[in-house]
Amino acid sequence: MECQNILDRDFRKIRSIKVENGPWVGYEYPEYQGQQFVLEKGDYPCYQAWSGNSSYRTEHLLSFRPIQCAKHSDSKVSLYECEDFQGRKFELCDDYPSLQAMGWCSKEVPSIKVNSGAWVAYQFPGYRGYQYILERDRREGEFRNYNEYGTQAHTNQIQSIRRIQH
């Protein structure tokens, strides 16, 4: 069940989380705004646990929603070198801690099409930096430019990507 604002449920802040089933995305602000953090099954005793290697840290999350996923074997995403799905295309079906190491020639990914599953893209190699949750079932899987990656997207810099665990 989605929660647009934990303040409406008489919570002031969420500082620890236990995910019992399915992947979720937590947001820094109410109404699914601000930095996104993927939350997969397990315990998150403090903000460092959900921030991981992120260069951006927030001590609390104020809205949550489930992530729709496919099986890992069915996951597929296409990266494009230009906005609006123009230019060269790379199709991925696996996790990549460094897009440059697999042959992507830029630090930027101007547009993305999620063909199946759900993915989390990271600003830096090694799954670090800002997180962008990319789902087939939201926006029909089409992210024509970096502004569509999330409300906090200030750059189209993406250097690592992985499938979200279900």
C-alpha atoms as a PDB file:
ATOM      1  CA  MET A   1       0.000   0.000   0.000  1.00  0.00           C
ATOM      2  CA  GLU A   2       1.408   3.367  -1.006  1.00  0.00           C
ATOM      3  CA  CYS A   3       1.987   6.118   1.529  1.00  0.00           C
ATOM      4  CA  GLN A   4       2.125   9.615   0.038  1.00  0.00           C
ATOM      5  CA  ASN A   5       2.898  11.256   3.363  1.00  0.00           C
ATOM      6  CA  ILE A   6       3.799   9.525   6.637  1.00  0.00           C
ATOM      7  CA  LEU A   7       2.853  12.713   8.483  1.00  0.00           C
ATOM      8  CA  ASP A   8      -0.790  11.882   7.657  1.00  0.00           C
ATOM      9  CA  ARG A   9      -0.347   8.637   9.618  1.00  0.00           C
ATOM     10  CA  ASP A  10       0.846  10.395  12.782  1.00  0.00           C
ATOM     11  CA  PHE A  11       4.542   9.696  12.199  1.00  0.00           C
ATOM     12  CA  ARG A  12       7.002  12.559  12.365  1.00  0.00           C
ATOM     13  CA  LYS A  13       9.971  10.786  10.807  1.00  0.00           C
ATOM     14  CA  ILE A  14      10.974   7.309   9.686  1.00  0.00           C
ATOM     15  CA  ARG A  15      14.527   6.577  10.771  1.00  0.00           C
ATOM     16  CA  SER A  16      14.621   2.780  10.459  1.00  0.00           C
ATOM     17  CA  ILE A  17      12.839   0.401   8.102  1.00  0.00           C
ATOM     18  CA  LYS A  18      12.221  -3.322   7.763  1.00  0.00           C
ATOM     19  CA  VAL A  19      11.130  -4.471   4.307  1.00  0.00           C
ATOM     20  CA  GLU A  20       9.353  -7.802   4.628  1.00  0.00           C
ATOM     21  CA  ASN A  21       8.065  -8.290   1.105  1.00  0.00           C
ATOM     22  CA  GLY A  22       8.835  -6.859  -2.306  1.00  0.00           C
ATOM     23  CA  PRO A  23      10.937  -3.870  -3.296  1.00  0.00           C
ATOM     24  CA  TRP A  24       9.912  -0.324  -2.362  1.00  0.00           C
ATOM     25  CA  VAL A  25      11.077   3.186  -3.116  1.00  0.00           C
ATOM     26  CA  GLY A  26      11.343   5.708  -0.304  1.00  0.00           C
ATOM     27  CA  TYR A  27      11.345   9.432  -0.978  1.00  0.00           C
ATOM     28  CA  GLU A  28      12.916  12.262   0.932  1.00  0.00           C
ATOM     29  CA  TYR A  29       9.715  14.356   0.903  1.00  0.00           C
ATOM     30  CA  PRO A  30       5.933  13.770   0.887  1.00  0.00           C
ATOM     31  CA  GLU A  31       4.080  13.191  -2.399  1.00  0.00           C
ATOM     32  CA  TYR A  32       6.975  11.138  -3.852  1.00  0.00           C
ATOM     33  CA  GLN A  33       9.294  14.122  -4.133  1.00  0.00           C
ATOM     34  CA  GLY A  34      13.024  14.526  -3.630  1.00  0.00           C
ATOM     35  CA  GLN A  35      15.777  11.952  -3.616  1.00  0.00           C
ATOM     36  CA  GLN A  36      14.724   8.330  -4.223  1.00  0.00           C
ATOM     37  CA  PHE A  37      16.097   5.311  -2.368  1.00  0.00           C
ATOM     38  CA  VAL A  38      15.440   1.709  -3.408  1.00  0.00           C
ATOM     39  CA  LEU A  39      14.471  -0.507  -0.456  1.00  0.00           C
ATOM     40  CA  GLU A  40      14.736  -4.253  -1.011  1.00  0.00           C
ATOM     41  CA  LYS A  41      13.934  -7.057   1.436  1.00  0.00           C
ATOM     42  CA  GLY A  42      15.889  -6.648   4.658  1.00  0.00           C
ATOM     43  CA  ASP A  43      16.614  -4.328   7.574  1.00  0.00           C
ATOM     44  CA  TYR A  44      17.579  -0.670   7.350  1.00  0.00           C
ATOM     45  CA  PRO A  45      18.443   0.279  10.961  1.00  0.00           C
ATOM     46  CA  CYS A  46      19.554   3.820  10.086  1.00  0.00           C
ATOM     47  CA  TYR A  47      19.796   6.215   7.148  1.00  0.00           C
ATOM     48  CA  GLN A  48      23.274   5.002   6.176  1.00  0.00           C
ATOM     49  CA  ALA A  49      21.727   1.602   5.392  1.00  0.00           C
ATOM     50  CA  TRP A  50      19.349   2.971   2.737  1.00  0.00           C
ATOM     51  CA  SER A  51      21.728   5.674   1.515  1.00  0.00           C
ATOM     52  CA  GLY A  52      24.424   3.078   0.893  1.00  0.00           C
ATOM     53  CA  ASN A  53      27.246   4.555  -1.153  1.00  0.00           C
ATOM     54  CA  SER A  54      25.137   7.551  -2.122  1.00  0.00           C
ATOM     55  CA  SER A  55      26.852  10.911  -2.048  1.00  0.00           C
ATOM     56  CA  TYR A  56      23.466  12.301  -1.041  1.00  0.00           C
ATOM     57  CA  ARG A  57      22.183  11.368   2.396  1.00  0.00           C
ATOM     58  CA  THR A  58      18.888  12.037   4.080  1.00  0.00           C
ATOM     59  CA  GLU A  59      18.158  11.008   7.660  1.00  0.00           C
ATOM     60  CA  HIS A  60      14.468  10.353   7.068  1.00  0.00           C
ATOM     61  CA  LEU A  61      12.021   9.316   4.390  1.00  0.00           C
ATOM     62  CA  LEU A  62       8.505  10.759   4.179  1.00  0.00           C
ATOM     63  CA  SER A  63       6.721   8.841   1.391  1.00  0.00           C
ATOM     64  CA  PHE A  64       6.824   5.258   0.097  1.00  0.00           C
ATOM     65  CA  ARG A  65       5.447   3.141  -2.721  1.00  0.00           C
ATOM     66  CA  PRO A  66       5.981  -0.421  -3.962  1.00  0.00           C
ATOM     67  CA  ILE A  67       8.072  -1.061  -7.075  1.00  0.00           C
ATOM     68  CA  GLN A  68       6.607  -3.231  -9.816  1.00  0.00           C
ATOM     69  CA  CYS A  69       9.172  -5.788 -11.002  1.00  0.00           C
ATOM     70  CA  ALA A  70       9.618  -8.696 -13.344  1.00  0.00           C
ATOM     71  CA  LYS A  71      11.813 -11.737 -12.829  1.00  0.00           C
ATOM     72  CA  HIS A  72      15.509 -11.020 -13.278  1.00  0.00           C
ATOM     73  CA  SER A  73      15.637 -13.310 -16.293  1.00  0.00           C
ATOM     74  CA  ASP A  74      13.031 -11.097 -17.990  1.00  0.00           C
ATOM     75  CA  SER A  75      14.634  -7.709 -17.213  1.00  0.00           C
ATOM     76  CA  LYS A  76      15.762  -5.602 -20.167  1.00  0.00           C
ATOM     77  CA  VAL A  77      16.600  -1.910 -20.553  1.00  0.00           C
ATOM     78  CA  SER A  78      17.804   0.199 -23.507  1.00  0.00           C
ATOM     79  CA  LEU A  79      20.150   3.170 -23.092  1.00  0.00           C
ATOM     80  CA  TYR A  80      20.324   5.874 -25.783  1.00  0.00           C
ATOM     81  CA  GLU A  81      23.120   8.341 -26.496  1.00  0.00           C
ATOM     82  CA  CYS A  82      20.650  11.203 -27.228  1.00  0.00           C
ATOM     83  CA  GLU A  83      17.341  12.461 -25.844  1.00  0.00           C
ATOM     84  CA  ASP A  84      14.059  11.098 -27.247  1.00  0.00           C
ATOM     85  CA  PHE A  85      15.561   7.653 -27.917  1.00  0.00           C
ATOM     86  CA  GLN A  86      17.863   8.935 -30.660  1.00  0.00           C
ATOM     87  CA  GLY A  87      21.412   7.895 -31.496  1.00  0.00           C
ATOM     88  CA  ARG A  88      23.170   4.660 -30.640  1.00  0.00           C
ATOM     89  CA  LYS A  89      21.308   2.174 -28.456  1.00  0.00           C
ATOM     90  CA  PHE A  90      22.718  -0.278 -25.891  1.00  0.00           C
ATOM     91  CA  GLU A  91      20.457  -3.071 -24.650  1.00  0.00           C
ATOM     92  CA  LEU A  92      21.191  -4.493 -21.204  1.00  0.00           C
ATOM     93  CA  CYS A  93      19.859  -7.590 -19.453  1.00  0.00           C
ATOM     94  CA  ASP A  94      22.307  -7.690 -16.548  1.00  0.00           C
ATOM     95  CA  ASP A  95      23.782  -5.524 -13.786  1.00  0.00           C
ATOM     96  CA  TYR A  96      26.670  -3.208 -14.690  1.00  0.00           C
ATOM     97  CA  PRO A  97      28.755  -1.583 -11.937  1.00  0.00           C
ATOM     98  CA  SER A  98      30.460   0.482 -14.658  1.00  0.00           C
ATOM     99  CA  LEU A  99      28.751   1.374 -17.925  1.00  0.00           C
ATOM    100  CA  GLN A 100      32.042   2.698 -19.306  1.00  0.00           C
ATOM    101  CA  ALA A 101      33.699  -0.691 -18.714  1.00  0.00           C
ATOM    102  CA  MET A 102      31.014  -2.387 -20.829  1.00  0.00           C
ATOM    103  CA  GLY A 103      31.543   0.008 -23.727  1.00  0.00           C
ATOM    104  CA  TRP A 104      29.309   3.025 -23.046  1.00  0.00           C
ATOM    105  CA  CYS A 105      31.486   5.951 -24.142  1.00  0.00           C
ATOM    106  CA  SER A 106      29.954   8.701 -22.016  1.00  0.00           C
ATOM    107  CA  LYS A 107      29.225   9.503 -18.379  1.00  0.00           C
ATOM    108  CA  GLU A 108      25.756  10.576 -19.478  1.00  0.00           C
ATOM    109  CA  VAL A 109      22.642   8.655 -20.519  1.00  0.00           C
ATOM    110  CA  PRO A 110      20.215  11.156 -22.094  1.00  0.00           C
ATOM    111  CA  SER A 111      17.257   8.745 -22.493  1.00  0.00           C
ATOM    112  CA  ILE A 112      16.260   5.279 -21.305  1.00  0.00           C
ATOM    113  CA  LYS A 113      13.578   2.795 -22.289  1.00  0.00           C
ATOM    114  CA  VAL A 114      12.714   0.057 -19.781  1.00  0.00           C
ATOM    115  CA  ASN A 115      11.519  -2.868 -21.865  1.00  0.00           C
ATOM    116  CA  SER A 116      10.792  -5.098 -18.859  1.00  0.00           C
ATOM    117  CA  GLY A 117      11.372  -5.192 -15.125  1.00  0.00           C
ATOM    118  CA  ALA A 118      12.591  -2.460 -12.831  1.00  0.00           C
ATOM    119  CA  TRP A 119      16.056  -0.973 -12.590  1.00  0.00           C
ATOM    120  CA  VAL A 120      17.968   1.442 -10.404  1.00  0.00           C
ATOM    121  CA  ALA A 121      20.476   3.683 -12.174  1.00  0.00           C
ATOM    122  CA  TYR A 122      23.263   5.411 -10.252  1.00  0.00           C
ATOM    123  CA  GLN A 123      25.122   8.634 -10.886  1.00  0.00           C
ATOM    124  CA  PHE A 124      28.579   7.100 -10.386  1.00  0.00           C
ATOM    125  CA  PRO A 125      30.295   3.730 -11.016  1.00  0.00           C
ATOM    126  CA  GLY A 126      30.014   1.096  -8.305  1.00  0.00           C
ATOM    127  CA  TYR A 127      26.346   1.860  -7.607  1.00  0.00           C
ATOM    128  CA  ARG A 128      27.114   5.193  -5.931  1.00  0.00           C
ATOM    129  CA  GLY A 129      25.556   8.641  -6.043  1.00  0.00           C
ATOM    130  CA  TYR A 130      21.998   9.647  -6.801  1.00  0.00           C
ATOM    131  CA  GLN A 131      19.576   6.784  -7.424  1.00  0.00           C
ATOM    132  CA  TYR A 132      16.970   6.809 -10.191  1.00  0.00           C
ATOM    133  CA  ILE A 133      14.226   4.171 -10.033  1.00  0.00           C
ATOM    134  CA  LEU A 134      13.218   3.156 -13.564  1.00  0.00           C
ATOM    135  CA  GLU A 135      10.154   0.909 -13.967  1.00  0.00           C
ATOM    136  CA  ARG A 136       8.402  -0.567 -16.970  1.00  0.00           C
ATOM    137  CA  ASP A 137       5.039  -0.081 -15.270  1.00  0.00           C
ATOM    138  CA  ARG A 138       5.514   3.662 -14.679  1.00  0.00           C
ATOM    139  CA  ARG A 139       5.675   6.144 -17.542  1.00  0.00           C
ATOM    140  CA  GLU A 140       5.271   3.105 -19.809  1.00  0.00           C
ATOM    141  CA  GLY A 141       8.984   2.567 -19.260  1.00  0.00           C
ATOM    142  CA  GLU A 142       9.898   5.627 -21.339  1.00  0.00           C
ATOM    143  CA  PHE A 143      12.270   8.263 -19.985  1.00  0.00           C
ATOM    144  CA  ARG A 144      12.825  10.666 -22.903  1.00  0.00           C
ATOM    145  CA  ASN A 145      15.249  12.918 -21.016  1.00  0.00           C
ATOM    146  CA  TYR A 146      16.897  13.095 -17.615  1.00  0.00           C
ATOM    147  CA  ASN A 147      14.162  15.324 -16.166  1.00  0.00           C
ATOM    148  CA  GLU A 148      11.901  12.272 -16.293  1.00  0.00           C
ATOM    149  CA  TYR A 149      14.261  10.116 -14.172  1.00  0.00           C
ATOM    150  CA  GLY A 150      12.863  11.644 -10.970  1.00  0.00           C
ATOM    151  CA  THR A 151      12.037  14.889  -9.224  1.00  0.00           C
ATOM    152  CA  GLN A 152      15.605  15.226  -7.952  1.00  0.00           C
ATOM    153  CA  ALA A 153      17.329  14.641 -11.310  1.00  0.00           C
ATOM    154  CA  HIS A 154      19.738  17.515 -11.954  1.00  0.00           C
ATOM    155  CA  THR A 155      21.939  15.732 -14.474  1.00  0.00           C
ATOM    156  CA  ASN A 156      21.808  12.906 -16.987  1.00  0.00           C
ATOM    157  CA  GLN A 157      24.987  11.438 -15.533  1.00  0.00           C
ATOM    158  CA  ILE A 158      24.478   7.678 -15.079  1.00  0.00           C
ATOM    159  CA  GLN A 159      27.495   5.415 -14.749  1.00  0.00           C
ATOM    160  CA  SER A 160      26.110   2.190 -13.239  1.00  0.00           C
ATOM    161  CA  ILE A 161      22.798   0.325 -13.354  1.00  0.00           C
ATOM    162  CA  ARG A 162      21.316  -2.803 -11.797  1.00  0.00           C
ATOM    163  CA  ARG A 163      18.098  -4.790 -11.742  1.00  0.00           C
ATOM    164  CA  ILE A 164      15.913  -4.361  -8.673  1.00  0.00           C
ATOM    165  CA  GLN A 165      15.539  -7.496  -6.553  1.00  0.00           C
ATOM    166  CA  HIS A 166      11.998  -8.781  -6.125  1.00  0.00           C
END
